Amino acid sequence: MLIFNNVFDELNDFFYGQGGYKSFPVDMVEIENGFKVIAEMPGVQKEDVQMSFEDGVLTIEADRKKDENEKYLINERETTHLKRSISFGEIHEDSIQAKLENGLLIVTILTKKPEEKPKRKIIIE
């Protein structure tokens, strides 16, 4: 069972206004045997993304940086540390795959099928 963690979104809206993200927008798509998480990360390099999975929670962090060697005349793109966490139920942790292409981080996660327990015969004494 998938559990959405909306606490971050609520705090984000409280501090930064309705709909304004200090993190990054995420889509979650149900696929056969799991989920696909698609996160928008324009201007973020693969080396600047960290992902972890602990206690059923996928955490994605990224640093959006500017080139310190450039002399900016206008600098409107924010440089910041971005973070997003999503809670999942039973998943195959070893199955998590991620790729970053064209400004999108795509994470594929496979769920575990409920374990079928054999029928137990009860002996009456």
C-alpha atoms as a PDB file:
ATOM      1  CA  MET A   1       0.000   0.000   0.000  1.00  0.00           C
ATOM      2  CA  LEU A   2       1.318   3.408  -0.938  1.00  0.00           C
ATOM      3  CA  ILE A   3       1.289   6.166   1.650  1.00  0.00           C
ATOM      4  CA  PHE A   4       1.749   9.746   0.484  1.00  0.00           C
ATOM      5  CA  ASN A   5       3.769  12.040   2.680  1.00  0.00           C
ATOM      6  CA  ASN A   6       2.076  15.455   2.305  1.00  0.00           C
ATOM      7  CA  VAL A   7       3.589  17.088   5.394  1.00  0.00           C
ATOM      8  CA  PHE A   8       6.440  18.534   3.328  1.00  0.00           C
ATOM      9  CA  ASP A   9       4.009  19.921   0.755  1.00  0.00           C
ATOM     10  CA  GLU A  10       1.869  21.537   3.462  1.00  0.00           C
ATOM     11  CA  LEU A  11       4.899  23.154   5.100  1.00  0.00           C
ATOM     12  CA  ASN A  12       6.145  24.252   1.693  1.00  0.00           C
ATOM     13  CA  ASP A  13       2.808  25.948   0.956  1.00  0.00           C
ATOM     14  CA  PHE A  14       2.813  27.589   4.399  1.00  0.00           C
ATOM     15  CA  PHE A  15       6.293  29.103   3.990  1.00  0.00           C
ATOM     16  CA  TYR A  16       6.406  29.759   0.248  1.00  0.00           C
ATOM     17  CA  GLY A  17       2.785  30.311  -0.791  1.00  0.00           C
ATOM     18  CA  GLN A  18       0.217  28.132  -2.485  1.00  0.00           C
ATOM     19  CA  GLY A  19       1.695  26.201  -5.395  1.00  0.00           C
ATOM     20  CA  GLY A  20       5.196  27.684  -5.032  1.00  0.00           C
ATOM     21  CA  TYR A  21       7.856  25.000  -4.713  1.00  0.00           C
ATOM     22  CA  LYS A  22      11.136  25.466  -2.929  1.00  0.00           C
ATOM     23  CA  SER A  23      11.790  21.875  -3.881  1.00  0.00           C
ATOM     24  CA  PHE A  24      10.812  20.345  -7.206  1.00  0.00           C
ATOM     25  CA  PRO A  25       7.538  19.074  -8.692  1.00  0.00           C
ATOM     26  CA  VAL A  26       7.026  15.305  -8.724  1.00  0.00           C
ATOM     27  CA  ASP A  27       4.652  13.035 -10.634  1.00  0.00           C
ATOM     28  CA  MET A  28       3.995   9.461  -9.529  1.00  0.00           C
ATOM     29  CA  VAL A  29       2.741   6.967 -12.079  1.00  0.00           C
ATOM     30  CA  GLU A  30       1.487   3.472 -11.323  1.00  0.00           C
ATOM     31  CA  ILE A  31       3.171   0.882 -13.536  1.00  0.00           C
ATOM     32  CA  GLU A  32       2.908  -2.893 -13.665  1.00  0.00           C
ATOM     33  CA  ASN A  33       4.339  -4.235 -10.388  1.00  0.00           C
ATOM     34  CA  GLY A  34       5.285  -0.821  -9.014  1.00  0.00           C
ATOM     35  CA  PHE A  35       5.623   2.901  -9.479  1.00  0.00           C
ATOM     36  CA  LYS A  36       7.528   5.439 -11.512  1.00  0.00           C
ATOM     37  CA  VAL A  37       8.465   8.739  -9.871  1.00  0.00           C
ATOM     38  CA  ILE A  38       9.271  11.605 -12.248  1.00  0.00           C
ATOM     39  CA  ALA A  39      10.926  14.669 -10.723  1.00  0.00           C
ATOM     40  CA  GLU A  40      11.617  17.913 -12.596  1.00  0.00           C
ATOM     41  CA  MET A  41      15.212  18.997 -12.064  1.00  0.00           C
ATOM     42  CA  PRO A  42      16.176  21.494 -14.760  1.00  0.00           C
ATOM     43  CA  GLY A  43      19.758  22.677 -14.520  1.00  0.00           C
ATOM     44  CA  VAL A  44      20.749  19.956 -12.025  1.00  0.00           C
ATOM     45  CA  GLN A  45      23.671  17.676 -12.868  1.00  0.00           C
ATOM     46  CA  LYS A  46      23.698  13.961 -12.048  1.00  0.00           C
ATOM     47  CA  GLU A  47      26.622  14.498  -9.646  1.00  0.00           C
ATOM     48  CA  ASP A  48      24.507  16.956  -7.640  1.00  0.00           C
ATOM     49  CA  VAL A  49      21.657  14.486  -6.926  1.00  0.00           C
ATOM     50  CA  GLN A  50      21.611  12.188  -3.893  1.00  0.00           C
ATOM     51  CA  MET A  51      18.972   9.519  -3.321  1.00  0.00           C
ATOM     52  CA  SER A  52      18.377   7.245  -0.352  1.00  0.00           C
ATOM     53  CA  PHE A  53      15.780   4.735   0.803  1.00  0.00           C
ATOM     54  CA  GLU A  54      15.309   4.143   4.516  1.00  0.00           C
ATOM     55  CA  ASP A  55      12.374   2.839   6.586  1.00  0.00           C
ATOM     56  CA  GLY A  56      10.079   2.820   3.546  1.00  0.00           C
ATOM     57  CA  VAL A  57      10.875   6.435   2.576  1.00  0.00           C
ATOM     58  CA  LEU A  58      12.504   7.482  -0.694  1.00  0.00           C
ATOM     59  CA  THR A  59      14.398  10.760  -0.283  1.00  0.00           C
ATOM     60  CA  ILE A  60      15.691  12.756  -3.246  1.00  0.00           C
ATOM     61  CA  GLU A  61      18.025  15.688  -2.649  1.00  0.00           C
ATOM     62  CA  ALA A  62      19.726  17.967  -5.151  1.00  0.00           C
ATOM     63  CA  ASP A  63      21.846  21.087  -5.211  1.00  0.00           C
ATOM     64  CA  ARG A  64      21.117  23.597  -7.941  1.00  0.00           C
ATOM     65  CA  LYS A  65      24.342  25.539  -8.423  1.00  0.00           C
ATOM     66  CA  LYS A  66      25.536  28.363 -10.568  1.00  0.00           C
ATOM     67  CA  ASP A  67      28.862  28.451 -12.358  1.00  0.00           C
ATOM     68  CA  GLU A  68      31.203  30.456 -10.145  1.00  0.00           C
ATOM     69  CA  ASN A  69      33.453  31.163 -13.157  1.00  0.00           C
ATOM     70  CA  GLU A  70      30.705  33.110 -14.937  1.00  0.00           C
ATOM     71  CA  LYS A  71      30.167  36.865 -14.604  1.00  0.00           C
ATOM     72  CA  TYR A  72      26.391  37.168 -14.323  1.00  0.00           C
ATOM     73  CA  LEU A  73      24.673  40.319 -15.562  1.00  0.00           C
ATOM     74  CA  ILE A  74      21.262  38.890 -14.607  1.00  0.00           C
ATOM     75  CA  ASN A  75      20.893  35.967 -12.204  1.00  0.00           C
ATOM     76  CA  GLU A  76      17.264  34.908 -11.746  1.00  0.00           C
ATOM     77  CA  ARG A  77      17.700  31.145 -11.433  1.00  0.00           C
ATOM     78  CA  GLU A  78      17.855  30.306  -7.762  1.00  0.00           C
ATOM     79  CA  THR A  79      20.728  28.279  -6.353  1.00  0.00           C
ATOM     80  CA  THR A  80      19.512  26.170  -3.490  1.00  0.00           C
ATOM     81  CA  HIS A  81      19.366  22.766  -1.819  1.00  0.00           C
ATOM     82  CA  LEU A  82      16.207  20.887  -2.853  1.00  0.00           C
ATOM     83  CA  LYS A  83      14.695  17.942  -0.994  1.00  0.00           C
ATOM     84  CA  ARG A  84      11.644  15.724  -1.386  1.00  0.00           C
ATOM     85  CA  SER A  85      10.563  12.559   0.478  1.00  0.00           C
ATOM     86  CA  ILE A  86       7.893  10.011  -0.463  1.00  0.00           C
ATOM     87  CA  SER A  87       6.704   7.135   1.741  1.00  0.00           C
ATOM     88  CA  PHE A  88       6.078   3.703   0.250  1.00  0.00           C
ATOM     89  CA  GLY A  89       4.805   0.394   1.568  1.00  0.00           C
ATOM     90  CA  GLU A  90       6.505  -2.916   0.879  1.00  0.00           C
ATOM     91  CA  ILE A  91       8.922  -2.581  -2.044  1.00  0.00           C
ATOM     92  CA  HIS A  92      11.926  -4.431  -3.425  1.00  0.00           C
ATOM     93  CA  GLU A  93      14.668  -2.060  -2.266  1.00  0.00           C
ATOM     94  CA  ASP A  94      17.210  -3.696  -4.582  1.00  0.00           C
ATOM     95  CA  SER A  95      14.962  -2.972  -7.574  1.00  0.00           C
ATOM     96  CA  ILE A  96      15.124   0.841  -7.327  1.00  0.00           C
ATOM     97  CA  GLN A  97      16.559   2.290 -10.547  1.00  0.00           C
ATOM     98  CA  ALA A  98      17.087   5.926 -11.477  1.00  0.00           C
ATOM     99  CA  LYS A  99      18.171   7.926 -14.498  1.00  0.00           C
ATOM    100  CA  LEU A 100      18.490  11.654 -15.162  1.00  0.00           C
ATOM    101  CA  GLU A 101      17.842  12.850 -18.684  1.00  0.00           C
ATOM    102  CA  ASN A 102      16.615  16.094 -20.194  1.00  0.00           C
ATOM    103  CA  GLY A 103      16.056  17.660 -16.764  1.00  0.00           C
ATOM    104  CA  LEU A 104      13.890  14.782 -15.491  1.00  0.00           C
ATOM    105  CA  LEU A 105      14.893  12.322 -12.780  1.00  0.00           C
ATOM    106  CA  ILE A 106      13.009   9.068 -13.415  1.00  0.00           C
ATOM    107  CA  VAL A 107      12.941   6.562 -10.537  1.00  0.00           C
ATOM    108  CA  THR A 108      11.418   3.095 -11.009  1.00  0.00           C
ATOM    109  CA  ILE A 109      10.336   1.170  -7.911  1.00  0.00           C
ATOM    110  CA  LEU A 110       8.922  -2.383  -7.844  1.00  0.00           C
ATOM    111  CA  THR A 111       6.489  -3.404  -5.125  1.00  0.00           C
ATOM    112  CA  LYS A 112       6.567  -6.687  -3.238  1.00  0.00           C
ATOM    113  CA  LYS A 113       3.689  -9.060  -3.739  1.00  0.00           C
ATOM    114  CA  PRO A 114       2.011 -10.088  -0.492  1.00  0.00           C
ATOM    115  CA  GLU A 115       3.601 -13.256   0.781  1.00  0.00           C
ATOM    116  CA  GLU A 116       1.240 -16.202   0.516  1.00  0.00           C
ATOM    117  CA  LYS A 117       1.301 -18.222   3.691  1.00  0.00           C
ATOM    118  CA  PRO A 118       0.494 -21.908   3.450  1.00  0.00           C
ATOM    119  CA  LYS A 119      -2.760 -23.070   4.929  1.00  0.00           C
ATOM    120  CA  ARG A 120      -2.193 -24.430   8.433  1.00  0.00           C
ATOM    121  CA  LYS A 121      -4.141 -27.431   9.607  1.00  0.00           C
ATOM    122  CA  ILE A 122      -5.244 -27.182  13.241  1.00  0.00           C
ATOM    123  CA  ILE A 123      -5.432 -30.422  15.188  1.00  0.00           C
ATOM    124  CA  ILE A 124      -8.258 -30.724  17.689  1.00  0.00           C
ATOM    125  CA  GLU A 125      -7.274 -32.428  20.946  1.00  0.00           C
END
